[in-house]
Amino acid sequence: QVQLVESGGGLVQAGASLRLSCAASGRTFSNYVLGWFRQAPGKEREFVATLNWNIGITYYADSVKGRFTISRGNAENTVVLQMNSLKPEDTAVYSCAAKSSYYTGRNYRTWNWYDSWGQGTQVTVSS
C-alpha cells in the first residue's frame, strides 16, 4: 500500500475552478493506477476519474467529462484533478485512491478495486 495525502478542496461558487492534488508518501506512483472518487451526503461513493501512471490512459465519469482533467502533477509523485465549470452537484468529499497495477483493466470504476486511499478533501460548490 501507499500513503496518499490530498489537498486543494474548498468552497467556491458555481462556474469556478478548483485543483485537487494527491501526493504519494514515501514511494513513487510507478506501476500504479490512480483514481479520484467522491461521496456526497446520503449518496454512494462515485467514480470520478482515473489515470494509469505508466501508460497515461485516462477515463472519466460522464458527469465530469469535458470539465475535469486528471493528470500527473508538477511535483514528483503527485496526481492532480483539475475541476473547471464546477456545479453545485459536484459538492462532495473527494478522495484519491491507488491500485498497484500496470494495467487499468475493467474494474477502475469500482472503489474496492483500489488498494490505498487518502483521507478525503471537501469540495463545496454554491449556486
Foldseek 3Di string as FASTA:
>chain_A
DWAKAKDWADEEAAQAKTKMKIATPPDACQQKKKFKWWDDPPGDIWTAKIAQPPPGDMDGDPVQPPFWDWDADPDGRMIMIIGGRDDQVVWTWMKMFMARHNDCPDCVGPPVNTDDIYPTDTHGYHD
